[in-house]
Amino acid sequence: MKYSKILFSVLSVILLLFITNASFAQCAMCQATIESNLKAGGKTGMGLNGGIMYLMAVPYLVVVGVGLLWYLKYRKKSVELDIKSQKINLN
């Protein structure tokens, strides 16, 4: 049962990786302006790409931060048990 779930998950991820559509995150007017600016020797396109990368990285950093806080809060702590050498009667 566990093997079939893992196999299904792996096949699903592979399928999703191979079935993708090319998409552009800019409107047509923005794309035309940036392309003409880059052809003329401007640096506006590089700044736009940097801004997109910045906006893309922030959610990942938030998820990593929440995961780290969760790990630190709920990790197992070393606990020593002081068990007496007497017999315990469980009635």
PDB file of N, CA and C in Angstrom:
ATOM      1  N   MET A   1       0.835  -1.195   0.000  1.00  0.00           N
ATOM      2  CA  MET A   1       0.000   0.000   0.000  1.00  0.00           C
ATOM      3  C   MET A   1       0.875   1.252   0.000  1.00  0.00           C
ATOM      4  N   LYS A   2       1.893   1.247   0.854  1.00  0.00           N
ATOM      5  CA  LYS A   2       2.752   2.408   0.955  1.00  0.00           C
ATOM      6  C   LYS A   2       3.557   2.586  -0.336  1.00  0.00           C
ATOM      7  N   TYR A   3       3.988   1.453  -0.921  1.00  0.00           N
ATOM      8  CA  TYR A   3       4.755   1.500  -2.159  1.00  0.00           C
ATOM      9  C   TYR A   3       3.938   2.099  -3.298  1.00  0.00           C
ATOM     10  N   SER A   4       2.674   1.748  -3.355  1.00  0.00           N
ATOM     11  CA  SER A   4       1.830   2.274  -4.432  1.00  0.00           C
ATOM     12  C   SER A   4       1.588   3.775  -4.280  1.00  0.00           C
ATOM     13  N   LYS A   5       1.502   4.265  -3.056  1.00  0.00           N
ATOM     14  CA  LYS A   5       1.337   5.706  -2.842  1.00  0.00           C
ATOM     15  C   LYS A   5       2.586   6.469  -3.275  1.00  0.00           C
ATOM     16  N   ILE A   6       3.743   5.914  -2.949  1.00  0.00           N
ATOM     17  CA  ILE A   6       4.993   6.574  -3.337  1.00  0.00           C
ATOM     18  C   ILE A   6       5.138   6.570  -4.855  1.00  0.00           C
ATOM     19  N   LEU A   7       4.830   5.440  -5.475  1.00  0.00           N
ATOM     20  CA  LEU A   7       4.910   5.341  -6.923  1.00  0.00           C
ATOM     21  C   LEU A   7       3.942   6.313  -7.597  1.00  0.00           C
ATOM     22  N   PHE A   8       2.735   6.415  -7.082  1.00  0.00           N
ATOM     23  CA  PHE A   8       1.751   7.358  -7.625  1.00  0.00           C
ATOM     24  C   PHE A   8       2.244   8.794  -7.487  1.00  0.00           C
ATOM     25  N   SER A   9       2.824   9.140  -6.344  1.00  0.00           N
ATOM     26  CA  SER A   9       3.323  10.499  -6.128  1.00  0.00           C
ATOM     27  C   SER A   9       4.454  10.827  -7.093  1.00  0.00           C
ATOM     28  N   VAL A  10       5.379   9.888  -7.266  1.00  0.00           N
ATOM     29  CA  VAL A  10       6.514  10.134  -8.157  1.00  0.00           C
ATOM     30  C   VAL A  10       6.038  10.283  -9.596  1.00  0.00           C
ATOM     31  N   LEU A  11       5.138   9.410 -10.028  1.00  0.00           N
ATOM     32  CA  LEU A  11       4.621   9.517 -11.390  1.00  0.00           C
ATOM     33  C   LEU A  11       3.835  10.804 -11.608  1.00  0.00           C
ATOM     34  N   SER A  12       3.113  11.256 -10.596  1.00  0.00           N
ATOM     35  CA  SER A  12       2.366  12.513 -10.704  1.00  0.00           C
ATOM     36  C   SER A  12       3.301  13.697 -10.874  1.00  0.00           C
ATOM     37  N   VAL A  13       4.381  13.715 -10.106  1.00  0.00           N
ATOM     38  CA  VAL A  13       5.346  14.816 -10.204  1.00  0.00           C
ATOM     39  C   VAL A  13       6.021  14.809 -11.571  1.00  0.00           C
ATOM     40  N   ILE A  14       6.396  13.622 -12.047  1.00  0.00           N
ATOM     41  CA  ILE A  14       7.029  13.536 -13.363  1.00  0.00           C
ATOM     42  C   ILE A  14       6.070  13.999 -14.444  1.00  0.00           C
ATOM     43  N   LEU A  15       4.827  13.590 -14.358  1.00  0.00           N
ATOM     44  CA  LEU A  15       3.827  14.003 -15.336  1.00  0.00           C
ATOM     45  C   LEU A  15       3.642  15.520 -15.330  1.00  0.00           C
ATOM     46  N   LEU A  16       3.581  16.114 -14.155  1.00  0.00           N
ATOM     47  CA  LEU A  16       3.415  17.568 -14.065  1.00  0.00           C
ATOM     48  C   LEU A  16       4.627  18.322 -14.594  1.00  0.00           C
ATOM     49  N   LEU A  17       5.813  17.729 -14.457  1.00  0.00           N
ATOM     50  CA  LEU A  17       7.013  18.388 -14.974  1.00  0.00           C
ATOM     51  C   LEU A  17       7.055  18.390 -16.498  1.00  0.00           C
ATOM     52  N   PHE A  18       6.527  17.357 -17.116  1.00  0.00           N
ATOM     53  CA  PHE A  18       6.589  17.268 -18.565  1.00  0.00           C
ATOM     54  C   PHE A  18       5.408  17.927 -19.270  1.00  0.00           C
ATOM     55  N   ILE A  19       4.320  18.148 -18.568  1.00  0.00           N
ATOM     56  CA  ILE A  19       3.161  18.794 -19.172  1.00  0.00           C
ATOM     57  C   ILE A  19       3.098  20.229 -18.660  1.00  0.00           C
ATOM     58  N   THR A  20       3.799  21.096 -19.339  1.00  0.00           N
ATOM     59  CA  THR A  20       3.803  22.510 -18.959  1.00  0.00           C
ATOM     60  C   THR A  20       3.539  23.363 -20.186  1.00  0.00           C
ATOM     61  N   ASN A  21       3.026  24.512 -19.959  1.00  0.00           N
ATOM     62  CA  ASN A  21       2.801  25.487 -21.022  1.00  0.00           C
ATOM     63  C   ASN A  21       3.714  26.674 -20.792  1.00  0.00           C
ATOM     64  N   ALA A  22       4.262  27.181 -21.864  1.00  0.00           N
ATOM     65  CA  ALA A  22       5.083  28.378 -21.742  1.00  0.00           C
ATOM     66  C   ALA A  22       4.166  29.563 -21.471  1.00  0.00           C
ATOM     67  N   SER A  23       4.492  30.338 -20.462  1.00  0.00           N
ATOM     68  CA  SER A  23       3.672  31.500 -20.148  1.00  0.00           C
ATOM     69  C   SER A  23       4.588  32.685 -19.865  1.00  0.00           C
ATOM     70  N   PHE A  24       4.077  33.856 -20.117  1.00  0.00           N
ATOM     71  CA  PHE A  24       4.818  35.077 -19.872  1.00  0.00           C
ATOM     72  C   PHE A  24       4.096  35.852 -18.779  1.00  0.00           C
ATOM     73  N   ALA A  25       4.864  36.361 -17.837  1.00  0.00           N
ATOM     74  CA  ALA A  25       4.274  37.011 -16.679  1.00  0.00           C
ATOM     75  C   ALA A  25       4.041  38.501 -16.905  1.00  0.00           C
ATOM     76  N   GLN A  26       4.269  38.972 -18.086  1.00  0.00           N
ATOM     77  CA  GLN A  26       4.112  40.391 -18.347  1.00  0.00           C
ATOM     78  C   GLN A  26       2.985  40.615 -19.347  1.00  0.00           C
ATOM     79  N   CYS A  27       2.426  41.790 -19.270  1.00  0.00           N
ATOM     80  CA  CYS A  27       1.439  42.140 -20.288  1.00  0.00           C
ATOM     81  C   CYS A  27       2.187  42.449 -21.587  1.00  0.00           C
ATOM     82  N   ALA A  28       1.469  42.478 -22.687  1.00  0.00           N
ATOM     83  CA  ALA A  28       2.094  42.681 -23.998  1.00  0.00           C
ATOM     84  C   ALA A  28       2.766  44.051 -24.094  1.00  0.00           C
ATOM     85  N   MET A  29       2.160  45.063 -23.483  1.00  0.00           N
ATOM     86  CA  MET A  29       2.723  46.410 -23.556  1.00  0.00           C
ATOM     87  C   MET A  29       4.032  46.489 -22.762  1.00  0.00           C
ATOM     88  N   CYS A  30       4.046  45.885 -21.590  1.00  0.00           N
ATOM     89  CA  CYS A  30       5.276  45.891 -20.779  1.00  0.00           C
ATOM     90  C   CYS A  30       6.384  45.135 -21.493  1.00  0.00           C
ATOM     91  N   GLN A  31       6.047  44.000 -22.081  1.00  0.00           N
ATOM     92  CA  GLN A  31       7.046  43.197 -22.786  1.00  0.00           C
ATOM     93  C   GLN A  31       7.631  43.971 -23.962  1.00  0.00           C
ATOM     94  N   ALA A  32       6.799  44.649 -24.726  1.00  0.00           N
ATOM     95  CA  ALA A  32       7.281  45.413 -25.883  1.00  0.00           C
ATOM     96  C   ALA A  32       8.184  46.559 -25.429  1.00  0.00           C
ATOM     97  N   THR A  33       7.817  47.226 -24.349  1.00  0.00           N
ATOM     98  CA  THR A  33       8.623  48.338 -23.843  1.00  0.00           C
ATOM     99  C   THR A  33       9.987  47.853 -23.368  1.00  0.00           C
ATOM    100  N   ILE A  34       9.998  46.748 -22.637  1.00  0.00           N
ATOM    101  CA  ILE A  34      11.252  46.216 -22.121  1.00  0.00           C
ATOM    102  C   ILE A  34      12.143  45.730 -23.263  1.00  0.00           C
ATOM    103  N   GLU A  35      11.562  45.026 -24.238  1.00  0.00           N
ATOM    104  CA  GLU A  35      12.364  44.544 -25.365  1.00  0.00           C
ATOM    105  C   GLU A  35      12.979  45.696 -26.150  1.00  0.00           C
ATOM    106  N   SER A  36      12.211  46.750 -26.386  1.00  0.00           N
ATOM    107  CA  SER A  36      12.767  47.885 -27.124  1.00  0.00           C
ATOM    108  C   SER A  36      13.831  48.605 -26.297  1.00  0.00           C
ATOM    109  N   ASN A  37      13.641  48.664 -25.003  1.00  0.00           N
ATOM    110  CA  ASN A  37      14.632  49.297 -24.133  1.00  0.00           C
ATOM    111  C   ASN A  37      15.928  48.496 -24.129  1.00  0.00           C
ATOM    112  N   LEU A  38      15.837  47.161 -24.069  1.00  0.00           N
ATOM    113  CA  LEU A  38      17.044  46.339 -24.072  1.00  0.00           C
ATOM    114  C   LEU A  38      17.776  46.419 -25.405  1.00  0.00           C
ATOM    115  N   LYS A  39      17.033  46.486 -26.511  1.00  0.00           N
ATOM    116  CA  LYS A  39      17.664  46.606 -27.829  1.00  0.00           C
ATOM    117  C   LYS A  39      18.381  47.946 -27.971  1.00  0.00           C
ATOM    118  N   ALA A  40      17.865  48.982 -27.295  1.00  0.00           N
ATOM    119  CA  ALA A  40      18.489  50.309 -27.363  1.00  0.00           C
ATOM    120  C   ALA A  40      19.659  50.430 -26.386  1.00  0.00           C
ATOM    121  N   GLY A  41      19.914  49.375 -25.589  1.00  0.00           N
ATOM    122  CA  GLY A  41      21.047  49.414 -24.653  1.00  0.00           C
ATOM    123  C   GLY A  41      20.665  49.812 -23.247  1.00  0.00           C
ATOM    124  N   GLY A  42      19.391  49.864 -22.935  1.00  0.00           N
ATOM    125  CA  GLY A  42      18.958  50.235 -21.590  1.00  0.00           C
ATOM    126  C   GLY A  42      19.086  49.085 -20.598  1.00  0.00           C
ATOM    127  N   LYS A  43      18.946  49.398 -19.343  1.00  0.00           N
ATOM    128  CA  LYS A  43      19.087  48.402 -18.277  1.00  0.00           C
ATOM    129  C   LYS A  43      17.770  48.150 -17.546  1.00  0.00           C
ATOM    130  N   THR A  44      16.659  48.629 -18.077  1.00  0.00           N
ATOM    131  CA  THR A  44      15.371  48.494 -17.400  1.00  0.00           C
ATOM    132  C   THR A  44      14.951  47.031 -17.269  1.00  0.00           C
ATOM    133  N   GLY A  45      15.231  46.235 -18.284  1.00  0.00           N
ATOM    134  CA  GLY A  45      14.851  44.827 -18.255  1.00  0.00           C
ATOM    135  C   GLY A  45      15.533  44.062 -17.141  1.00  0.00           C
ATOM    136  N   MET A  46      16.784  44.387 -16.874  1.00  0.00           N
ATOM    137  CA  MET A  46      17.514  43.712 -15.793  1.00  0.00           C
ATOM    138  C   MET A  46      16.905  44.048 -14.435  1.00  0.00           C
ATOM    139  N   GLY A  47      16.497  45.278 -14.269  1.00  0.00           N
ATOM    140  CA  GLY A  47      15.843  45.664 -13.023  1.00  0.00           C
ATOM    141  C   GLY A  47      14.508  44.973 -12.843  1.00  0.00           C
ATOM    142  N   LEU A  48      13.775  44.828 -13.940  1.00  0.00           N
ATOM    143  CA  LEU A  48      12.499  44.126 -13.885  1.00  0.00           C
ATOM    144  C   LEU A  48      12.695  42.666 -13.518  1.00  0.00           C
ATOM    145  N   ASN A  49      13.697  42.029 -14.109  1.00  0.00           N
ATOM    146  CA  ASN A  49      13.989  40.636 -13.770  1.00  0.00           C
ATOM    147  C   ASN A  49      14.414  40.496 -12.313  1.00  0.00           C
ATOM    148  N   GLY A  50      15.192  41.441 -11.818  1.00  0.00           N
ATOM    149  CA  GLY A  50      15.593  41.415 -10.410  1.00  0.00           C
ATOM    150  C   GLY A  50      14.394  41.560  -9.483  1.00  0.00           C
ATOM    151  N   GLY A  51      13.453  42.422  -9.849  1.00  0.00           N
ATOM    152  CA  GLY A  51      12.243  42.589  -9.041  1.00  0.00           C
ATOM    153  C   GLY A  51      11.387  41.340  -9.030  1.00  0.00           C
ATOM    154  N   ILE A  52      11.296  40.669 -10.173  1.00  0.00           N
ATOM    155  CA  ILE A  52      10.530  39.427 -10.232  1.00  0.00           C
ATOM    156  C   ILE A  52      11.179  38.361  -9.354  1.00  0.00           C
ATOM    157  N   MET A  53      12.497  38.275  -9.392  1.00  0.00           N
ATOM    158  CA  MET A  53      13.193  37.292  -8.559  1.00  0.00           C
ATOM    159  C   MET A  53      13.000  37.600  -7.069  1.00  0.00           C
ATOM    160  N   TYR A  54      13.011  38.867  -6.719  1.00  0.00           N
ATOM    161  CA  TYR A  54      12.789  39.264  -5.331  1.00  0.00           C
ATOM    162  C   TYR A  54      11.382  38.871  -4.881  1.00  0.00           C
ATOM    163  N   LEU A  55      10.386  39.157  -5.699  1.00  0.00           N
ATOM    164  CA  LEU A  55       9.012  38.807  -5.348  1.00  0.00           C
ATOM    165  C   LEU A  55       8.813  37.289  -5.288  1.00  0.00           C
ATOM    166  N   MET A  56       9.566  36.548  -6.070  1.00  0.00           N
ATOM    167  CA  MET A  56       9.449  35.100  -6.063  1.00  0.00           C
ATOM    168  C   MET A  56      10.110  34.499  -4.821  1.00  0.00           C
ATOM    169  N   ALA A  57      11.165  35.102  -4.314  1.00  0.00           N
ATOM    170  CA  ALA A  57      11.921  34.531  -3.204  1.00  0.00           C
ATOM    171  C   ALA A  57      11.241  34.739  -1.851  1.00  0.00           C
ATOM    172  N   VAL A  58      10.491  35.802  -1.679  1.00  0.00           N
ATOM    173  CA  VAL A  58       9.909  36.126  -0.380  1.00  0.00           C
ATOM    174  C   VAL A  58       8.971  35.042   0.152  1.00  0.00           C
ATOM    175  N   PRO A  59       8.048  34.493  -0.621  1.00  0.00           N
ATOM    176  CA  PRO A  59       7.194  33.434  -0.068  1.00  0.00           C
ATOM    177  C   PRO A  59       7.977  32.204   0.379  1.00  0.00           C
ATOM    178  N   TYR A  60       9.031  31.853  -0.360  1.00  0.00           N
ATOM    179  CA  TYR A  60       9.849  30.712   0.041  1.00  0.00           C
ATOM    180  C   TYR A  60      10.559  30.984   1.368  1.00  0.00           C
ATOM    181  N   LEU A  61      11.044  32.182   1.552  1.00  0.00           N
ATOM    182  CA  LEU A  61      11.700  32.524   2.809  1.00  0.00           C
ATOM    183  C   LEU A  61      10.718  32.482   3.980  1.00  0.00           C
ATOM    184  N   VAL A  62       9.485  32.907   3.749  1.00  0.00           N
ATOM    185  CA  VAL A  62       8.461  32.853   4.806  1.00  0.00           C
ATOM    186  C   VAL A  62       8.159  31.402   5.178  1.00  0.00           C
ATOM    187  N   VAL A  63       8.038  30.533   4.187  1.00  0.00           N
ATOM    188  CA  VAL A  63       7.759  29.122   4.457  1.00  0.00           C
ATOM    189  C   VAL A  63       8.915  28.485   5.219  1.00  0.00           C
ATOM    190  N   VAL A  64      10.141  28.789   4.838  1.00  0.00           N
ATOM    191  CA  VAL A  64      11.308  28.254   5.552  1.00  0.00           C
ATOM    192  C   VAL A  64      11.326  28.763   6.986  1.00  0.00           C
ATOM    193  N   GLY A  65      11.013  30.037   7.198  1.00  0.00           N
ATOM    194  CA  GLY A  65      10.988  30.592   8.555  1.00  0.00           C
ATOM    195  C   GLY A  65       9.934  29.932   9.429  1.00  0.00           C
ATOM    196  N   VAL A  66       8.734  29.733   8.882  1.00  0.00           N
ATOM    197  CA  VAL A  66       7.665  29.081   9.648  1.00  0.00           C
ATOM    198  C   VAL A  66       8.051  27.639   9.956  1.00  0.00           C
ATOM    199  N   GLY A  67       8.625  26.943   8.978  1.00  0.00           N
ATOM    200  CA  GLY A  67       9.062  25.563   9.202  1.00  0.00           C
ATOM    201  C   GLY A  67      10.140  25.480  10.265  1.00  0.00           C
ATOM    202  N   LEU A  68      11.072  26.412  10.265  1.00  0.00           N
ATOM    203  CA  LEU A  68      12.130  26.430  11.270  1.00  0.00           C
ATOM    204  C   LEU A  68      11.562  26.689  12.663  1.00  0.00           C
ATOM    205  N   LEU A  69      10.645  27.640  12.770  1.00  0.00           N
ATOM    206  CA  LEU A  69      10.020  27.906  14.070  1.00  0.00           C
ATOM    207  C   LEU A  69       9.233  26.700  14.569  1.00  0.00           C
ATOM    208  N   TRP A  70       8.528  26.049  13.666  1.00  0.00           N
ATOM    209  CA  TRP A  70       7.758  24.867  14.026  1.00  0.00           C
ATOM    210  C   TRP A  70       8.689  23.759  14.499  1.00  0.00           C
ATOM    211  N   TYR A  71       9.792  23.548  13.800  1.00  0.00           N
ATOM    212  CA  TYR A  71      10.756  22.526  14.189  1.00  0.00           C
ATOM    213  C   TYR A  71      11.345  22.826  15.562  1.00  0.00           C
ATOM    214  N   LEU A  72      11.740  24.062  15.784  1.00  0.00           N
ATOM    215  CA  LEU A  72      12.356  24.414  17.061  1.00  0.00           C
ATOM    216  C   LEU A  72      11.370  24.295  18.218  1.00  0.00           C
ATOM    217  N   LYS A  73      10.097  24.563  17.954  1.00  0.00           N
ATOM    218  CA  LYS A  73       9.112  24.507  19.027  1.00  0.00           C
ATOM    219  C   LYS A  73       8.717  23.079  19.376  1.00  0.00           C
ATOM    220  N   TYR A  74       8.613  22.203  18.379  1.00  0.00           N
ATOM    221  CA  TYR A  74       8.077  20.875  18.619  1.00  0.00           C
ATOM    222  C   TYR A  74       9.102  19.746  18.530  1.00  0.00           C
ATOM    223  N   ARG A  75      10.384  20.061  18.484  1.00  0.00           N
ATOM    224  CA  ARG A  75      11.359  18.980  18.424  1.00  0.00           C
ATOM    225  C   ARG A  75      11.396  18.238  19.753  1.00  0.00           C
ATOM    226  N   LYS A  76      11.831  17.003  19.696  1.00  0.00           N
ATOM    227  CA  LYS A  76      11.857  16.187  20.908  1.00  0.00           C
ATOM    228  C   LYS A  76      12.962  16.671  21.820  1.00  0.00           C
ATOM    229  N   LYS A  77      12.640  16.738  23.070  1.00  0.00           N
ATOM    230  CA  LYS A  77      13.621  17.149  24.062  1.00  0.00           C
ATOM    231  C   LYS A  77      14.119  15.904  24.791  1.00  0.00           C
ATOM    232  N   SER A  78      15.358  15.903  25.193  1.00  0.00           N
ATOM    233  CA  SER A  78      15.885  14.747  25.910  1.00  0.00           C
ATOM    234  C   SER A  78      15.338  14.758  27.344  1.00  0.00           C
ATOM    235  N   VAL A  79      14.671  13.681  27.687  1.00  0.00           N
ATOM    236  CA  VAL A  79      14.041  13.564  28.990  1.00  0.00           C
ATOM    237  C   VAL A  79      14.587  12.321  29.674  1.00  0.00           C
ATOM    238  N   GLU A  80      15.012  12.461  30.905  1.00  0.00           N
ATOM    239  CA  GLU A  80      15.500  11.311  31.656  1.00  0.00           C
ATOM    240  C   GLU A  80      14.381  10.815  32.554  1.00  0.00           C
ATOM    241  N   LEU A  81      14.179   9.517  32.529  1.00  0.00           N
ATOM    242  CA  LEU A  81      13.155   8.907  33.368  1.00  0.00           C
ATOM    243  C   LEU A  81      13.801   8.365  34.629  1.00  0.00           C
ATOM    244  N   ASP A  82      13.213   8.700  35.758  1.00  0.00           N
ATOM    245  CA  ASP A  82      13.717   8.205  37.043  1.00  0.00           C
ATOM    246  C   ASP A  82      12.774   7.095  37.506  1.00  0.00           C
ATOM    247  N   ILE A  83      13.093   5.871  37.111  1.00  0.00           N
ATOM    248  CA  ILE A  83      12.242   4.735  37.455  1.00  0.00           C
ATOM    249  C   ILE A  83      12.812   4.057  38.684  1.00  0.00           C
ATOM    250  N   LYS A  84      11.947   3.850  39.659  1.00  0.00           N
ATOM    251  CA  LYS A  84      12.380   3.200  40.894  1.00  0.00           C
ATOM    252  C   LYS A  84      12.632   1.721  40.650  1.00  0.00           C
ATOM    253  N   SER A  85      13.472   1.142  41.449  1.00  0.00           N
ATOM    254  CA  SER A  85      13.804  -0.282  41.290  1.00  0.00           C
ATOM    255  C   SER A  85      12.757  -1.184  41.926  1.00  0.00           C
ATOM    256  N   GLN A  86      11.712  -0.619  42.539  1.00  0.00           N
ATOM    257  CA  GLN A  86      10.671  -1.431  43.157  1.00  0.00           C
ATOM    258  C   GLN A  86       9.687  -1.891  42.077  1.00  0.00           C
ATOM    259  N   LYS A  87       8.974  -2.984  42.395  1.00  0.00           N
ATOM    260  CA  LYS A  87       7.972  -3.458  41.473  1.00  0.00           C
ATOM    261  C   LYS A  87       6.782  -2.496  41.483  1.00  0.00           C
ATOM    262  N   ILE A  88       6.190  -2.336  40.327  1.00  0.00           N
ATOM    263  CA  ILE A  88       5.023  -1.473  40.209  1.00  0.00           C
ATOM    264  C   ILE A  88       3.803  -2.361  40.083  1.00  0.00           C
ATOM    265  N   ASN A  89       2.795  -2.109  40.915  1.00  0.00           N
ATOM    266  CA  ASN A  89       1.567  -2.878  40.891  1.00  0.00           C
ATOM    267  C   ASN A  89       0.529  -2.124  40.100  1.00  0.00           C
ATOM    268  N   LEU A  90       0.131  -2.685  38.960  1.00  0.00           N
ATOM    269  CA  LEU A  90      -0.846  -2.023  38.095  1.00  0.00           C
ATOM    270  C   LEU A  90      -2.187  -2.722  38.212  1.00  0.00           C
ATOM    271  N   ASN A  91      -2.953  -2.411  39.238  1.00  0.00           N
ATOM    272  CA  ASN A  91      -4.284  -3.019  39.420  1.00  0.00           C
ATOM    273  C   ASN A  91      -5.349  -2.122  38.903  1.00  0.00           C
TER     274      ASN A  91
END
